Amino acid sequence: MEEPQRRIRALHTESTITVYQAYAPEIGIPAVRRGRFPAGWKRDRMTWIKPSFLWMMYRCGWGTKTGQEIVLAVEITRDGFEWALRNACLSSYLPGLHPDRSTWQGQVKRAPARVQWDPERDLHLQPLPYRSLQLGLSGEAVRRYADEWTVSISDVTALASEIHALVGRGDLDAAARLLPKERAYPVEDELMAHLRS
């Protein structure tokens, strides 16, 4: 079956969805230890969460980029994730979806979340012909993410390194078997209508 051009693909349960972020050790290690983001985690800036493990690997270079050495799997409530989608706007202006650029700019200023559709990645971190969602959280959404939605925070840096090593050796089958079992996230069309680009 052919992949749709835009889809949320994620590891999820009936009540949670897993998203990925990468941080420097001074943020990542205490976050894992406490199951909550530490005081040094900045609540006053936008934070991007990614349901796609391989897109996170592309972004953080398998956990090798400076300031992104600790790769976190953050399990959050589906209620919280869907609140963010409901209250999000697209991160770029789209004629036809937005009445005009100034209307979109007003939405961006007011919205506590932003959606960006970026090319999904393969095991070599090359772009695929379909896109996966990134969700940027700011203001109220950041507070809710940190204080209400987060169920658990796990360190998946070792997993990232192991998959990367297998890819480097050319053992793509073994690497693929270790990937999180992401599948289409069930979401109502009406929830996504304003986020289809």
C-alpha atoms as a PDB file:
ATOM      1  CA  MET A   1       0.000   0.000   0.000  1.00  0.00           C
ATOM      2  CA  GLU A   2       1.349   3.420  -0.952  1.00  0.00           C
ATOM      3  CA  GLU A   3       2.182   5.837   1.844  1.00  0.00           C
ATOM      4  CA  PRO A   4       0.069   9.002   1.946  1.00  0.00           C
ATOM      5  CA  GLN A   5       2.002  12.205   1.372  1.00  0.00           C
ATOM      6  CA  ARG A   6       1.432  13.370   4.961  1.00  0.00           C
ATOM      7  CA  ARG A   7       0.858  11.088   7.926  1.00  0.00           C
ATOM      8  CA  ILE A   8       1.635  10.965  11.621  1.00  0.00           C
ATOM      9  CA  ARG A   9       3.676   7.820  12.150  1.00  0.00           C
ATOM     10  CA  ALA A  10       4.446   7.001  15.764  1.00  0.00           C
ATOM     11  CA  LEU A  11       4.917   4.457  18.484  1.00  0.00           C
ATOM     12  CA  HIS A  12       1.652   4.693  20.395  1.00  0.00           C
ATOM     13  CA  THR A  13      -0.676   2.895  22.785  1.00  0.00           C
ATOM     14  CA  GLU A  14      -4.365   3.441  23.502  1.00  0.00           C
ATOM     15  CA  SER A  15      -3.519   6.363  25.785  1.00  0.00           C
ATOM     16  CA  THR A  16       0.005   7.556  24.891  1.00  0.00           C
ATOM     17  CA  ILE A  17       2.243   8.536  21.989  1.00  0.00           C
ATOM     18  CA  THR A  18       6.054   8.552  22.035  1.00  0.00           C
ATOM     19  CA  VAL A  19       7.934  11.579  20.720  1.00  0.00           C
ATOM     20  CA  TYR A  20      11.667  12.187  20.492  1.00  0.00           C
ATOM     21  CA  GLN A  21      13.986  15.011  21.480  1.00  0.00           C
ATOM     22  CA  ALA A  22      17.757  15.273  21.939  1.00  0.00           C
ATOM     23  CA  TYR A  23      19.565  17.355  24.541  1.00  0.00           C
ATOM     24  CA  ALA A  24      22.953  18.004  26.082  1.00  0.00           C
ATOM     25  CA  PRO A  25      23.778  15.692  29.035  1.00  0.00           C
ATOM     26  CA  GLU A  26      23.044  18.401  31.618  1.00  0.00           C
ATOM     27  CA  ILE A  27      19.391  18.377  30.505  1.00  0.00           C
ATOM     28  CA  GLY A  28      18.962  14.831  29.183  1.00  0.00           C
ATOM     29  CA  ILE A  29      20.437  12.870  32.100  1.00  0.00           C
ATOM     30  CA  PRO A  30      18.413  14.544  34.893  1.00  0.00           C
ATOM     31  CA  ALA A  31      15.276  14.354  32.721  1.00  0.00           C
ATOM     32  CA  VAL A  32      15.641  10.577  32.513  1.00  0.00           C
ATOM     33  CA  ARG A  33      16.508  10.256  36.193  1.00  0.00           C
ATOM     34  CA  ARG A  34      13.478  12.265  37.354  1.00  0.00           C
ATOM     35  CA  GLY A  35      11.045  11.457  34.565  1.00  0.00           C
ATOM     36  CA  ARG A  36      10.557  15.225  34.256  1.00  0.00           C
ATOM     37  CA  PHE A  37      12.483  18.031  32.598  1.00  0.00           C
ATOM     38  CA  PRO A  38      14.903  19.704  35.039  1.00  0.00           C
ATOM     39  CA  ALA A  39      14.917  23.356  36.100  1.00  0.00           C
ATOM     40  CA  GLY A  40      17.548  24.171  33.462  1.00  0.00           C
ATOM     41  CA  TRP A  41      15.160  23.168  30.668  1.00  0.00           C
ATOM     42  CA  LYS A  42      13.955  26.355  28.995  1.00  0.00           C
ATOM     43  CA  ARG A  43      10.187  26.803  29.149  1.00  0.00           C
ATOM     44  CA  ASP A  44      10.265  30.212  27.491  1.00  0.00           C
ATOM     45  CA  ARG A  45      11.287  28.998  24.041  1.00  0.00           C
ATOM     46  CA  MET A  46       9.740  26.751  21.428  1.00  0.00           C
ATOM     47  CA  THR A  47      10.504  23.063  21.801  1.00  0.00           C
ATOM     48  CA  TRP A  48      10.054  20.682  18.851  1.00  0.00           C
ATOM     49  CA  ILE A  49       8.853  17.126  19.394  1.00  0.00           C
ATOM     50  CA  LYS A  50       9.127  14.470  16.709  1.00  0.00           C
ATOM     51  CA  PRO A  51       7.067  11.256  16.581  1.00  0.00           C
ATOM     52  CA  SER A  52       9.468   9.836  13.943  1.00  0.00           C
ATOM     53  CA  PHE A  53      12.555   8.144  15.417  1.00  0.00           C
ATOM     54  CA  LEU A  54      14.485   8.319  12.133  1.00  0.00           C
ATOM     55  CA  TRP A  55      13.674  12.000  11.664  1.00  0.00           C
ATOM     56  CA  MET A  56      15.109  12.587  15.140  1.00  0.00           C
ATOM     57  CA  MET A  57      18.213  10.622  14.121  1.00  0.00           C
ATOM     58  CA  TYR A  58      18.579  12.875  11.090  1.00  0.00           C
ATOM     59  CA  ARG A  59      18.214  15.958  13.267  1.00  0.00           C
ATOM     60  CA  CYS A  60      20.667  14.889  15.984  1.00  0.00           C
ATOM     61  CA  GLY A  61      23.091  12.859  13.848  1.00  0.00           C
ATOM     62  CA  TRP A  62      22.372   9.639  15.769  1.00  0.00           C
ATOM     63  CA  GLY A  63      23.118  11.535  19.010  1.00  0.00           C
ATOM     64  CA  THR A  64      26.556  12.755  17.868  1.00  0.00           C
ATOM     65  CA  LYS A  65      25.819  16.472  17.406  1.00  0.00           C
ATOM     66  CA  THR A  66      27.006  18.863  20.097  1.00  0.00           C
ATOM     67  CA  GLY A  67      24.192  19.663  22.497  1.00  0.00           C
ATOM     68  CA  GLN A  68      22.140  16.680  21.277  1.00  0.00           C
ATOM     69  CA  GLU A  69      24.128  13.785  22.733  1.00  0.00           C
ATOM     70  CA  ILE A  70      21.278  12.370  24.856  1.00  0.00           C
ATOM     71  CA  VAL A  71      18.351  11.110  22.798  1.00  0.00           C
ATOM     72  CA  LEU A  72      15.098  10.997  24.740  1.00  0.00           C
ATOM     73  CA  ALA A  73      11.917   9.049  24.078  1.00  0.00           C
ATOM     74  CA  VAL A  74       9.186  11.057  25.789  1.00  0.00           C
ATOM     75  CA  GLU A  75       5.897   9.242  26.270  1.00  0.00           C
ATOM     76  CA  ILE A  76       3.048  11.743  26.466  1.00  0.00           C
ATOM     77  CA  THR A  77      -0.711  11.442  26.694  1.00  0.00           C
ATOM     78  CA  ARG A  78      -2.646  11.237  23.471  1.00  0.00           C
ATOM     79  CA  ASP A  79      -5.088  13.771  24.938  1.00  0.00           C
ATOM     80  CA  GLY A  80      -2.230  16.251  25.279  1.00  0.00           C
ATOM     81  CA  PHE A  81      -0.830  15.533  21.815  1.00  0.00           C
ATOM     82  CA  GLU A  82      -4.259  16.020  20.260  1.00  0.00           C
ATOM     83  CA  TRP A  83      -4.812  19.234  22.250  1.00  0.00           C
ATOM     84  CA  ALA A  84      -1.604  20.530  20.663  1.00  0.00           C
ATOM     85  CA  LEU A  85      -2.779  19.518  17.167  1.00  0.00           C
ATOM     86  CA  ARG A  86      -6.172  21.132  17.732  1.00  0.00           C
ATOM     87  CA  ASN A  87      -4.516  24.378  18.810  1.00  0.00           C
ATOM     88  CA  ALA A  88      -1.694  24.358  16.248  1.00  0.00           C
ATOM     89  CA  CYS A  89      -1.159  26.246  13.044  1.00  0.00           C
ATOM     90  CA  LEU A  90       1.145  25.475  10.126  1.00  0.00           C
ATOM     91  CA  SER A  91       4.638  26.892  10.472  1.00  0.00           C
ATOM     92  CA  SER A  92       4.499  28.319   6.938  1.00  0.00           C
ATOM     93  CA  TYR A  93       1.937  30.277   4.949  1.00  0.00           C
ATOM     94  CA  LEU A  94      -0.080  28.245   2.463  1.00  0.00           C
ATOM     95  CA  PRO A  95      -2.254  30.016  -0.129  1.00  0.00           C
ATOM     96  CA  GLY A  96      -5.583  28.243  -0.396  1.00  0.00           C
ATOM     97  CA  LEU A  97      -5.536  27.040   3.195  1.00  0.00           C
ATOM     98  CA  HIS A  98      -4.998  30.477   4.755  1.00  0.00           C
ATOM     99  CA  PRO A  99      -7.134  33.409   3.510  1.00  0.00           C
ATOM    100  CA  ASP A 100      -4.044  35.629   3.302  1.00  0.00           C
ATOM    101  CA  ARG A 101      -0.557  36.018   4.749  1.00  0.00           C
ATOM    102  CA  SER A 102      -1.587  38.455   7.499  1.00  0.00           C
ATOM    103  CA  THR A 103      -4.309  36.060   8.738  1.00  0.00           C
ATOM    104  CA  TRP A 104      -1.711  33.266   8.933  1.00  0.00           C
ATOM    105  CA  GLN A 105       0.751  35.563  10.742  1.00  0.00           C
ATOM    106  CA  GLY A 106      -1.948  36.311  13.314  1.00  0.00           C
ATOM    107  CA  GLN A 107      -2.541  32.580  13.797  1.00  0.00           C
ATOM    108  CA  VAL A 108       1.191  31.954  14.288  1.00  0.00           C
ATOM    109  CA  LYS A 109       1.369  34.659  16.976  1.00  0.00           C
ATOM    110  CA  ARG A 110      -1.616  33.264  18.885  1.00  0.00           C
ATOM    111  CA  ALA A 111      -1.142  29.503  18.452  1.00  0.00           C
ATOM    112  CA  PRO A 112       0.653  27.618  21.254  1.00  0.00           C
ATOM    113  CA  ALA A 113       1.764  24.948  18.758  1.00  0.00           C
ATOM    114  CA  ARG A 114       3.083  24.764  15.201  1.00  0.00           C
ATOM    115  CA  VAL A 115       3.098  21.930  12.705  1.00  0.00           C
ATOM    116  CA  GLN A 116       5.753  21.318  10.120  1.00  0.00           C
ATOM    117  CA  TRP A 117       5.698  18.461   7.598  1.00  0.00           C
ATOM    118  CA  ASP A 118       9.217  17.282   6.776  1.00  0.00           C
ATOM    119  CA  PRO A 119      10.436  14.430   4.576  1.00  0.00           C
ATOM    120  CA  GLU A 120      10.523  11.141   6.454  1.00  0.00           C
ATOM    121  CA  ARG A 121      13.960   9.486   6.509  1.00  0.00           C
ATOM    122  CA  ASP A 122      15.295   6.025   5.718  1.00  0.00           C
ATOM    123  CA  LEU A 123      18.012   4.191   7.652  1.00  0.00           C
ATOM    124  CA  HIS A 124      20.687   6.138   5.749  1.00  0.00           C
ATOM    125  CA  LEU A 125      18.810   9.307   6.826  1.00  0.00           C
ATOM    126  CA  GLN A 126      18.041  10.100   3.206  1.00  0.00           C
ATOM    127  CA  PRO A 127      14.677  11.776   2.476  1.00  0.00           C
ATOM    128  CA  LEU A 128      11.720   9.613   1.502  1.00  0.00           C
ATOM    129  CA  PRO A 129       8.956  10.836  -0.860  1.00  0.00           C
ATOM    130  CA  TYR A 130       6.453  11.308   1.961  1.00  0.00           C
ATOM    131  CA  ARG A 131       6.395  13.506   5.034  1.00  0.00           C
ATOM    132  CA  SER A 132       6.135  13.147   8.781  1.00  0.00           C
ATOM    133  CA  LEU A 133       4.942  15.594  11.382  1.00  0.00           C
ATOM    134  CA  GLN A 134       7.027  17.749  13.678  1.00  0.00           C
ATOM    135  CA  LEU A 135       5.245  19.637  16.407  1.00  0.00           C
ATOM    136  CA  GLY A 136       6.604  22.847  17.884  1.00  0.00           C
ATOM    137  CA  LEU A 137       5.331  23.792  21.339  1.00  0.00           C
ATOM    138  CA  SER A 138       5.455  27.235  22.931  1.00  0.00           C
ATOM    139  CA  GLY A 139       3.790  29.128  25.758  1.00  0.00           C
ATOM    140  CA  GLU A 140       0.920  27.189  27.277  1.00  0.00           C
ATOM    141  CA  ALA A 141       1.749  24.068  25.246  1.00  0.00           C
ATOM    142  CA  VAL A 142       5.300  23.905  26.667  1.00  0.00           C
ATOM    143  CA  ARG A 143       3.946  24.138  30.208  1.00  0.00           C
ATOM    144  CA  ARG A 144       1.330  21.452  29.570  1.00  0.00           C
ATOM    145  CA  TYR A 145       3.923  19.202  27.868  1.00  0.00           C
ATOM    146  CA  ALA A 146       6.309  19.400  30.806  1.00  0.00           C
ATOM    147  CA  ASP A 147       3.821  19.401  33.680  1.00  0.00           C
ATOM    148  CA  GLU A 148       0.726  17.522  32.496  1.00  0.00           C
ATOM    149  CA  TRP A 149       1.268  15.409  29.380  1.00  0.00           C
ATOM    150  CA  THR A 150       4.591  13.693  30.112  1.00  0.00           C
ATOM    151  CA  VAL A 151       4.105  10.124  31.312  1.00  0.00           C
ATOM    152  CA  SER A 152       7.736   8.933  31.121  1.00  0.00           C
ATOM    153  CA  ILE A 153      11.134   9.915  29.739  1.00  0.00           C
ATOM    154  CA  SER A 154      13.582   7.239  28.564  1.00  0.00           C
ATOM    155  CA  ASP A 155      17.153   7.436  27.308  1.00  0.00           C
ATOM    156  CA  VAL A 156      17.361   5.809  23.858  1.00  0.00           C
ATOM    157  CA  THR A 157      20.885   7.011  23.058  1.00  0.00           C
ATOM    158  CA  ALA A 158      22.338   3.480  23.244  1.00  0.00           C
ATOM    159  CA  LEU A 159      19.620   2.230  20.889  1.00  0.00           C
ATOM    160  CA  ALA A 160      20.441   5.045  18.442  1.00  0.00           C
ATOM    161  CA  SER A 161      24.144   4.121  18.575  1.00  0.00           C
ATOM    162  CA  GLU A 162      23.435   0.428  18.051  1.00  0.00           C
ATOM    163  CA  ILE A 163      21.193   1.055  15.032  1.00  0.00           C
ATOM    164  CA  HIS A 164      23.733   3.511  13.609  1.00  0.00           C
ATOM    165  CA  ALA A 165      26.526   0.940  13.966  1.00  0.00           C
ATOM    166  CA  LEU A 166      24.453  -1.713  12.173  1.00  0.00           C
ATOM    167  CA  VAL A 167      23.688   0.714   9.351  1.00  0.00           C
ATOM    168  CA  GLY A 168      27.410   1.513   9.119  1.00  0.00           C
ATOM    169  CA  ARG A 169      28.164  -2.202   8.729  1.00  0.00           C
ATOM    170  CA  GLY A 170      25.502  -2.528   6.051  1.00  0.00           C
ATOM    171  CA  ASP A 171      23.241  -4.767   8.148  1.00  0.00           C
ATOM    172  CA  LEU A 172      20.033  -2.901   7.360  1.00  0.00           C
ATOM    173  CA  ASP A 173      17.746  -5.823   8.229  1.00  0.00           C
ATOM    174  CA  ALA A 174      19.127  -6.040  11.776  1.00  0.00           C
ATOM    175  CA  ALA A 175      18.981  -2.239  12.082  1.00  0.00           C
ATOM    176  CA  ALA A 176      15.349  -2.164  10.943  1.00  0.00           C
ATOM    177  CA  ARG A 177      14.378  -4.826  13.492  1.00  0.00           C
ATOM    178  CA  LEU A 178      15.582  -2.553  16.302  1.00  0.00           C
ATOM    179  CA  LEU A 179      13.590   0.484  15.205  1.00  0.00           C
ATOM    180  CA  PRO A 180      10.600   1.504  17.330  1.00  0.00           C
ATOM    181  CA  LYS A 181       7.435  -0.040  15.881  1.00  0.00           C
ATOM    182  CA  GLU A 182       5.901   3.121  14.472  1.00  0.00           C
ATOM    183  CA  ARG A 183       2.549   2.908  12.736  1.00  0.00           C
ATOM    184  CA  ALA A 184      -0.092   5.301  11.489  1.00  0.00           C
ATOM    185  CA  TYR A 185      -1.495   7.361  14.334  1.00  0.00           C
ATOM    186  CA  PRO A 186      -5.312   7.366  14.251  1.00  0.00           C
ATOM    187  CA  VAL A 187      -6.500  10.933  14.068  1.00  0.00           C
ATOM    188  CA  GLU A 188      -9.825  12.404  13.026  1.00  0.00           C
ATOM    189  CA  ASP A 189      -9.833  14.242   9.687  1.00  0.00           C
ATOM    190  CA  GLU A 190     -11.461  17.276  11.314  1.00  0.00           C
ATOM    191  CA  LEU A 191      -8.560  17.508  13.771  1.00  0.00           C
ATOM    192  CA  MET A 192      -6.060  17.730  10.912  1.00  0.00           C
ATOM    193  CA  ALA A 193      -8.005  19.761   8.337  1.00  0.00           C
ATOM    194  CA  HIS A 194      -6.275  23.019   9.267  1.00  0.00           C
ATOM    195  CA  LEU A 195      -2.834  21.352   9.213  1.00  0.00           C
ATOM    196  CA  ARG A 196      -2.791  19.740   5.767  1.00  0.00           C
ATOM    197  CA  SER A 197      -0.229  21.507   3.645  1.00  0.00           C
END
